[in-house]
C-alpha atoms as a PDB file:
ATOM      1  CA  MET A   1      27.187  25.516  25.519  1.00  0.00           C
ATOM      2  CA  ALA A   2      26.482  22.104  27.054  1.00  0.00           C
ATOM      3  CA  SER A   3      28.768  19.215  26.193  1.00  0.00           C
ATOM      4  CA  SER A   4      27.195  16.173  24.542  1.00  0.00           C
ATOM      5  CA  ARG A   5      29.949  13.879  25.759  1.00  0.00           C
ATOM      6  CA  LEU A   6      29.247  11.256  28.410  1.00  0.00           C
ATOM      7  CA  PRO A   7      31.058  11.761  31.688  1.00  0.00           C
ATOM      8  CA  LEU A   8      33.945   9.384  32.408  1.00  0.00           C
ATOM      9  CA  SER A   9      31.882   7.550  35.045  1.00  0.00           C
ATOM     10  CA  ALA A  10      29.293   6.600  32.397  1.00  0.00           C
ATOM     11  CA  PHE A  11      32.035   4.964  30.322  1.00  0.00           C
ATOM     12  CA  ALA A  12      33.230   3.080  33.394  1.00  0.00           C
ATOM     13  CA  VAL A  13      29.719   1.756  34.054  1.00  0.00           C
ATOM     14  CA  ILE A  14      29.334   0.658  30.425  1.00  0.00           C
ATOM     15  CA  ALA A  15      32.731  -1.071  30.510  1.00  0.00           C
ATOM     16  CA  LEU A  16      31.900  -2.858  33.755  1.00  0.00           C
ATOM     17  CA  LEU A  17      28.567  -4.053  32.389  1.00  0.00           C
ATOM     18  CA  GLY A  18      30.322  -5.437  29.329  1.00  0.00           C
ATOM     19  CA  LEU A  19      32.913  -7.159  31.494  1.00  0.00           C
ATOM     20  CA  ALA A  20      30.215  -8.673  33.729  1.00  0.00           C
ATOM     21  CA  ALA A  21      28.373 -10.000  30.689  1.00  0.00           C
ATOM     22  CA  ALA A  22      31.562 -11.603  29.393  1.00  0.00           C
ATOM     23  CA  CYS A  23      32.307 -13.160  32.782  1.00  0.00           C
ATOM     24  CA  ASN A  24      28.816 -14.636  32.995  1.00  0.00           C
ATOM     25  CA  SER A  25      28.948 -16.129  29.514  1.00  0.00           C
ATOM     26  CA  SER A  26      27.900 -19.742  29.089  1.00  0.00           C
ATOM     27  CA  GLU A  27      30.133 -20.096  26.023  1.00  0.00           C
ATOM     28  CA  ILE A  28      33.132 -22.403  25.859  1.00  0.00           C
ATOM     29  CA  SER A  29      35.525 -21.720  23.004  1.00  0.00           C
ATOM     30  CA  ALA A  30      37.759 -24.353  21.414  1.00  0.00           C
ATOM     31  CA  GLY A  31      40.436 -21.689  21.024  1.00  0.00           C
ATOM     32  CA  ASP A  32      40.852 -21.512  24.796  1.00  0.00           C
ATOM     33  CA  TYR A  33      42.362 -25.015  24.960  1.00  0.00           C
ATOM     34  CA  ASP A  34      45.455 -26.671  23.534  1.00  0.00           C
ATOM     35  CA  ALA A  35      44.561 -29.211  20.849  1.00  0.00           C
ATOM     36  CA  SER A  36      48.063 -30.207  19.738  1.00  0.00           C
ATOM     37  CA  CYS A  37      48.797 -33.920  19.585  1.00  0.00           C
ATOM     38  CA  SER A  38      51.071 -36.606  18.233  1.00  0.00           C
ATOM     39  CA  ALA A  39      48.776 -39.633  18.804  1.00  0.00           C
ATOM     40  CA  ASP A  40      45.054 -40.336  19.290  1.00  0.00           C
ATOM     41  CA  SER A  41      45.716 -41.057  22.971  1.00  0.00           C
ATOM     42  CA  ASP A  42      46.736 -37.392  23.432  1.00  0.00           C
ATOM     43  CA  CYS A  43      43.128 -36.283  22.741  1.00  0.00           C
ATOM     44  CA  VAL A  44      39.698 -36.292  24.439  1.00  0.00           C
ATOM     45  CA  THR A  45      36.356 -35.161  23.025  1.00  0.00           C
ATOM     46  CA  ALA A  46      34.780 -31.891  24.171  1.00  0.00           C
ATOM     47  CA  THR A  47      31.689 -29.822  23.477  1.00  0.00           C
ATOM     48  CA  PHE A  48      32.112 -26.173  22.534  1.00  0.00           C
ATOM     49  CA  GLY A  49      29.626 -23.337  22.219  1.00  0.00           C
ATOM     50  CA  ASP A  50      26.820 -22.465  24.619  1.00  0.00           C
ATOM     51  CA  VAL A  51      26.875 -25.009  27.452  1.00  0.00           C
ATOM     52  CA  CYS A  52      23.229 -24.171  28.198  1.00  0.00           C
ATOM     53  CA  ALA A  53      22.151 -25.235  24.687  1.00  0.00           C
ATOM     54  CA  LEU A  54      22.175 -28.933  25.643  1.00  0.00           C
ATOM     55  CA  ASN A  55      24.341 -30.113  22.796  1.00  0.00           C
ATOM     56  CA  CYS A  56      24.088 -33.889  23.132  1.00  0.00           C
ATOM     57  CA  ASN A  57      27.231 -34.733  21.199  1.00  0.00           C
ATOM     58  CA  PRO A  58      30.816 -33.495  21.300  1.00  0.00           C
ATOM     59  CA  ASN A  59      31.774 -31.151  18.492  1.00  0.00           C
ATOM     60  CA  GLY A  60      35.519 -31.021  19.008  1.00  0.00           C
ATOM     61  CA  ALA A  61      38.498 -32.387  20.873  1.00  0.00           C
ATOM     62  CA  ILE A  62      41.275 -31.058  23.075  1.00  0.00           C
ATOM     63  CA  ARG A  63      44.615 -32.248  24.379  1.00  0.00           C
ATOM     64  CA  ARG A  64      44.133 -34.728  27.256  1.00  0.00           C
ATOM     65  CA  SER A  65      46.248 -32.531  29.562  1.00  0.00           C
ATOM     66  CA  GLU A  66      43.592 -29.775  29.172  1.00  0.00           C
ATOM     67  CA  GLU A  67      40.687 -32.012  30.237  1.00  0.00           C
ATOM     68  CA  ALA A  68      40.628 -31.059  33.941  1.00  0.00           C
ATOM     69  CA  ARG A  69      40.634 -27.339  33.109  1.00  0.00           C
ATOM     70  CA  TYR A  70      37.930 -27.848  30.460  1.00  0.00           C
ATOM     71  CA  LEU A  71      35.725 -29.796  32.901  1.00  0.00           C
ATOM     72  CA  ALA A  72      36.164 -27.116  35.579  1.00  0.00           C
ATOM     73  CA  ASP A  73      35.255 -24.401  33.051  1.00  0.00           C
ATOM     74  CA  TYR A  74      32.250 -26.413  31.881  1.00  0.00           C
ATOM     75  CA  LYS A  75      31.033 -26.888  35.458  1.00  0.00           C
ATOM     76  CA  GLU A  76      31.468 -23.191  36.246  1.00  0.00           C
ATOM     77  CA  LYS A  77      29.735 -21.974  33.073  1.00  0.00           C
ATOM     78  CA  SER A  78      26.873 -24.475  33.270  1.00  0.00           C
ATOM     79  CA  ALA A  79      26.061 -23.526  36.883  1.00  0.00           C
ATOM     80  CA  GLY A  80      23.938 -20.625  35.624  1.00  0.00           C
ATOM     81  CA  CYS A  81      21.992 -22.677  33.072  1.00  0.00           C
ATOM     82  CA  PRO A  82      18.271 -23.241  33.553  1.00  0.00           C
ATOM     83  CA  GLN A  83      17.720 -26.664  35.078  1.00  0.00           C
ATOM     84  CA  ILE A  84      15.847 -29.443  33.305  1.00  0.00           C
ATOM     85  CA  ALA A  85      13.673 -31.847  35.259  1.00  0.00           C
ATOM     86  CA  TYR A  86      15.703 -34.969  36.037  1.00  0.00           C
ATOM     87  CA  PHE A  87      13.192 -37.240  34.299  1.00  0.00           C
ATOM     88  CA  GLN A  88      13.420 -35.395  30.990  1.00  0.00           C
ATOM     89  CA  ASP A  89      16.065 -36.366  28.457  1.00  0.00           C
ATOM     90  CA  PRO A  90      16.346 -33.581  25.868  1.00  0.00           C
ATOM     91  CA  CYS A  91      18.745 -35.719  23.845  1.00  0.00           C
ATOM     92  CA  THR A  92      16.528 -38.775  23.318  1.00  0.00           C
ATOM     93  CA  GLY A  93      17.487 -40.328  20.009  1.00  0.00           C
ATOM     94  CA  ALA A  94      20.143 -37.716  19.363  1.00  0.00           C
ATOM     95  CA  TYR A  95      23.138 -39.517  20.832  1.00  0.00           C
ATOM     96  CA  ARG A  96      25.960 -40.418  18.499  1.00  0.00           C
ATOM     97  CA  THR A  97      29.309 -41.930  19.349  1.00  0.00           C
ATOM     98  CA  PHE A  98      32.460 -39.898  18.862  1.00  0.00           C
ATOM     99  CA  ALA A  99      36.129 -40.612  19.394  1.00  0.00           C
ATOM    100  CA  ALA A 100      38.960 -38.152  19.737  1.00  0.00           C
ATOM    101  CA  ARG A 101      41.536 -38.483  16.977  1.00  0.00           C
ATOM    102  CA  CYS A 102      44.864 -36.847  16.245  1.00  0.00           C
ATOM    103  CA  ALA A 103      44.981 -35.611  12.662  1.00  0.00           C
ATOM    104  CA  ALA A 104      47.864 -33.558  11.301  1.00  0.00           C
ATOM    105  CA  GLY A 105      48.959 -32.675  14.831  1.00  0.00           C
ATOM    106  CA  ARG A 106      45.525 -31.401  15.987  1.00  0.00           C
ATOM    107  CA  CYS A 107      42.888 -33.136  18.099  1.00  0.00           C
ATOM    108  CA  ALA A 108      39.504 -33.584  16.403  1.00  0.00           C
ATOM    109  CA  ALA A 109      36.235 -35.396  17.129  1.00  0.00           C
ATOM    110  CA  ALA A 110      35.376 -38.197  14.723  1.00  0.00           C
ATOM    111  CA  GLU A 111      31.938 -39.812  14.631  1.00  0.00           C
ATOM    112  CA  ILE A 112      31.970 -43.598  14.963  1.00  0.00           C
ATOM    113  CA  THR A 113      29.534 -45.276  12.586  1.00  0.00           C
ATOM    114  CA  ASP A 114      27.576 -48.468  13.272  1.00  0.00           C
ATOM    115  CA  ALA A 115      30.148 -50.340  11.221  1.00  0.00           C
ATOM    116  CA  GLY A 116      32.819 -49.204  13.657  1.00  0.00           C
ATOM    117  CA  ALA A 117      34.652 -46.930  11.224  1.00  0.00           C
ATOM    118  CA  ASP A 118      35.033 -43.299  12.082  1.00  0.00           C
ATOM    119  CA  THR A 119      33.990 -40.536   9.718  1.00  0.00           C
ATOM    120  CA  GLY A 120      36.478 -37.982  10.938  1.00  0.00           C
ATOM    121  CA  PRO A 121      40.021 -37.042  10.055  1.00  0.00           C
END
């Protein structure tokens, strides 16, 4: 009777394909960076999610000491993104101003309104 189980090598190929897909991900996760803080100056804004999605505004913040690692990760993950012609601005009219704030010991992005007050924590 023939076995219906996949040979071990098939599992290895499937596992390697899954690992390659994870390594080539264009996602940046907030959970990968320290966001602890004791003052606003401890924090910098960051953009999380798919770096290829052209998010025009930050959607989070991290500890300032994590900034170099975040920027290196962002550069590495965005290298595989489709390029946009240099004369096109996909964010026209979508820019908003954000500041990094420390709230309850965690860095967070707070939108700055026209009046100068932030709407964040």
